[in-house]
């Protein structure tokens, strides 16, 4: 089951439609799920199995275990917004610390600034054109 539109807007500024976890789930690619589970197990020091890999976007109905409790996503949900770009307190210390820790933080920062500049709908259109379902994003 694919998610579309706003479910694929990452609270932190990312585009979930280009995430390898999302793409592995919607394509049911067992080999990719296995590789991701191995990598996530090391990265998060958790025992993650291939069947644990799966996400339907930050605002979708299924989340990987380590993202279900994401403080950035939780904060946007509490505020009733999809992304930090539209928060009255943008850019806050919590978000900046997240960017510092995330290997894709610089890229996420560019995306969220683009969301503010272009608006969410135009940004989503841009992202859908840039990322094909066959293209796996490192970030």
Protein backbone atom coordinates (compact mmCIF):
# COMPACT_ATOMS: atom_id res chain seq x y z
CA UNK A 1 0.00 0.00 0.00
CA UNK A 2 1.42 3.35 -1.06
CA UNK A 3 0.90 6.60 0.75
CA UNK A 4 0.77 9.80 -1.19
CA UNK A 5 0.85 13.49 -0.74
CA UNK A 6 1.16 14.89 2.71
CA UNK A 7 1.81 11.53 4.42
CA UNK A 8 5.18 11.60 2.64
CA UNK A 9 6.20 14.96 4.09
CA UNK A 10 8.79 14.39 6.78
CA UNK A 11 8.26 16.58 9.83
CA UNK A 12 11.97 17.47 9.73
CA UNK A 13 11.86 18.50 6.07
CA UNK A 14 12.58 15.21 4.35
CA UNK A 15 10.66 13.59 1.53
CA UNK A 16 9.59 10.13 2.70
CA UNK A 17 8.85 9.06 -0.87
CA UNK A 18 12.60 8.80 -1.46
CA UNK A 19 13.40 6.91 1.73
CA UNK A 20 14.78 3.40 1.27
CA UNK A 21 12.64 2.14 4.17
CA UNK A 22 9.46 3.39 2.48
CA UNK A 23 10.50 2.07 -0.93
CA UNK A 24 11.44 -1.36 0.46
CA UNK A 25 8.06 -1.59 2.16
CA UNK A 26 5.88 -0.55 -0.78
CA UNK A 27 7.82 -2.77 -3.21
CA UNK A 28 8.00 -5.66 -0.71
CA UNK A 29 11.68 -6.04 -1.58
CA UNK A 30 12.81 -8.71 0.90
CA UNK A 31 16.51 -8.39 0.03
CA UNK A 32 16.46 -4.64 0.58
CA UNK A 33 14.54 -5.12 3.84
CA UNK A 34 17.22 -7.56 5.00
CA UNK A 35 20.04 -5.13 4.15
CA UNK A 36 18.25 -2.25 5.82
CA UNK A 37 17.53 -4.31 8.94
CA UNK A 38 21.23 -5.14 9.25
CA UNK A 39 22.23 -1.50 8.85
CA UNK A 40 19.55 -0.19 11.20
CA UNK A 41 20.48 -2.81 13.82
CA UNK A 42 24.04 -1.50 13.85
CA UNK A 43 23.06 2.17 13.64
CA UNK A 44 20.51 2.03 16.46
CA UNK A 45 22.07 -0.82 18.46
CA UNK A 46 18.78 -2.72 18.31
CA UNK A 47 17.77 -6.16 17.07
CA UNK A 48 15.84 -5.17 13.96
CA UNK A 49 14.46 -7.87 11.72
CA UNK A 50 13.52 -7.49 8.03
CA UNK A 51 9.85 -7.64 8.96
CA UNK A 52 10.40 -4.57 11.19
CA UNK A 53 11.41 -2.52 8.16
CA UNK A 54 8.50 -0.54 6.88
CA UNK A 55 7.17 2.95 6.90
CA UNK A 56 4.40 4.73 5.04
CA UNK A 57 5.80 8.18 5.59
CA UNK A 58 6.15 10.44 8.58
CA UNK A 59 2.42 11.13 8.62
CA UNK A 60 1.39 7.72 7.31
CA UNK A 61 -0.09 4.83 9.25
CA UNK A 62 2.99 2.58 9.63
CA UNK A 63 6.34 3.62 11.11
CA UNK A 64 9.60 1.85 11.73
CA UNK A 65 10.11 1.20 15.45
CA UNK A 66 12.81 3.83 15.99
CA UNK A 67 10.82 6.58 14.20
CA UNK A 68 7.45 5.96 15.81
CA UNK A 69 8.64 7.95 18.82
CA UNK A 70 10.46 10.70 16.87
CA UNK A 71 10.42 13.89 18.93
CA UNK A 72 10.30 16.08 15.80
CA UNK A 73 7.27 14.27 14.39
CA UNK A 74 5.62 14.32 17.84
CA UNK A 75 6.19 18.05 18.14
CA UNK A 76 4.63 18.79 14.75
CA UNK A 77 1.64 16.61 15.59
CA UNK A 78 1.14 18.45 18.89
CA UNK A 79 1.22 21.76 17.02
CA UNK A 80 -1.07 20.56 14.24
CA UNK A 81 1.45 21.11 11.43
CA UNK A 82 3.04 18.68 8.98
CA UNK A 83 6.54 20.12 8.97
CA UNK A 84 8.69 22.37 11.09
CA UNK A 85 8.85 24.83 8.18
CA UNK A 86 5.45 26.16 9.23
CA UNK A 87 6.09 26.37 12.96
CA UNK A 88 5.98 29.77 14.65
CA UNK A 89 9.21 28.83 16.44
CA UNK A 90 11.14 27.76 13.30
CA UNK A 91 14.04 27.04 13.49
CA UNK A 92 14.22 25.89 17.08
CA UNK A 93 17.03 24.35 19.08
CA UNK A 94 15.39 20.90 18.99
CA UNK A 95 15.36 20.90 15.19
CA UNK A 96 18.91 22.20 14.89
CA UNK A 97 20.19 19.51 17.27
CA UNK A 98 18.36 16.90 15.18
CA UNK A 99 20.08 18.19 12.03
CA UNK A 100 23.47 18.07 13.73
CA UNK A 101 23.00 14.40 14.65
CA UNK A 102 21.39 13.20 11.41
CA UNK A 103 23.75 12.19 8.60
CA UNK A 104 21.39 13.96 6.19
CA UNK A 105 20.91 17.05 8.34
CA UNK A 106 22.34 19.48 5.78
CA UNK A 107 20.09 18.10 3.05
CA UNK A 108 17.05 18.20 5.34
CA UNK A 109 17.79 21.83 6.20
CA UNK A 110 17.82 22.71 2.48
CA UNK A 111 14.50 20.93 1.99
CA UNK A 112 12.77 22.64 4.89
CA UNK A 113 13.95 26.06 3.77
CA UNK A 114 12.65 25.24 0.30
CA UNK A 115 9.28 24.31 1.84
CA UNK A 116 9.10 27.72 3.52
CA UNK A 117 10.10 29.48 0.32
CA UNK A 118 7.97 27.59 -2.23
CA UNK A 119 5.14 26.27 -0.08
CA UNK A 120 4.38 22.66 0.68
CA UNK A 121 2.41 21.77 -2.46
CA UNK A 122 5.04 23.12 -4.86
CA UNK A 123 7.83 21.48 -2.87
CA UNK A 124 6.00 18.13 -2.99
CA UNK A 125 5.60 18.46 -6.76
CA UNK A 126 9.34 19.13 -7.08
CA UNK A 127 10.23 16.14 -4.93
CA UNK A 128 7.93 13.74 -6.79
CA UNK A 129 9.61 14.73 -10.05
CA UNK A 130 13.13 14.34 -8.61
CA UNK A 131 12.72 10.95 -6.94
CA UNK A 132 11.68 7.92 -8.93
CA UNK A 133 10.46 4.74 -7.20
CA UNK A 134 13.58 2.93 -8.41
CA UNK A 135 15.93 5.51 -6.91
CA UNK A 136 16.94 4.86 -3.31
CA UNK A 137 18.00 7.88 -1.36
CA UNK A 138 20.80 7.81 1.18
CA UNK A 139 19.14 10.78 2.80
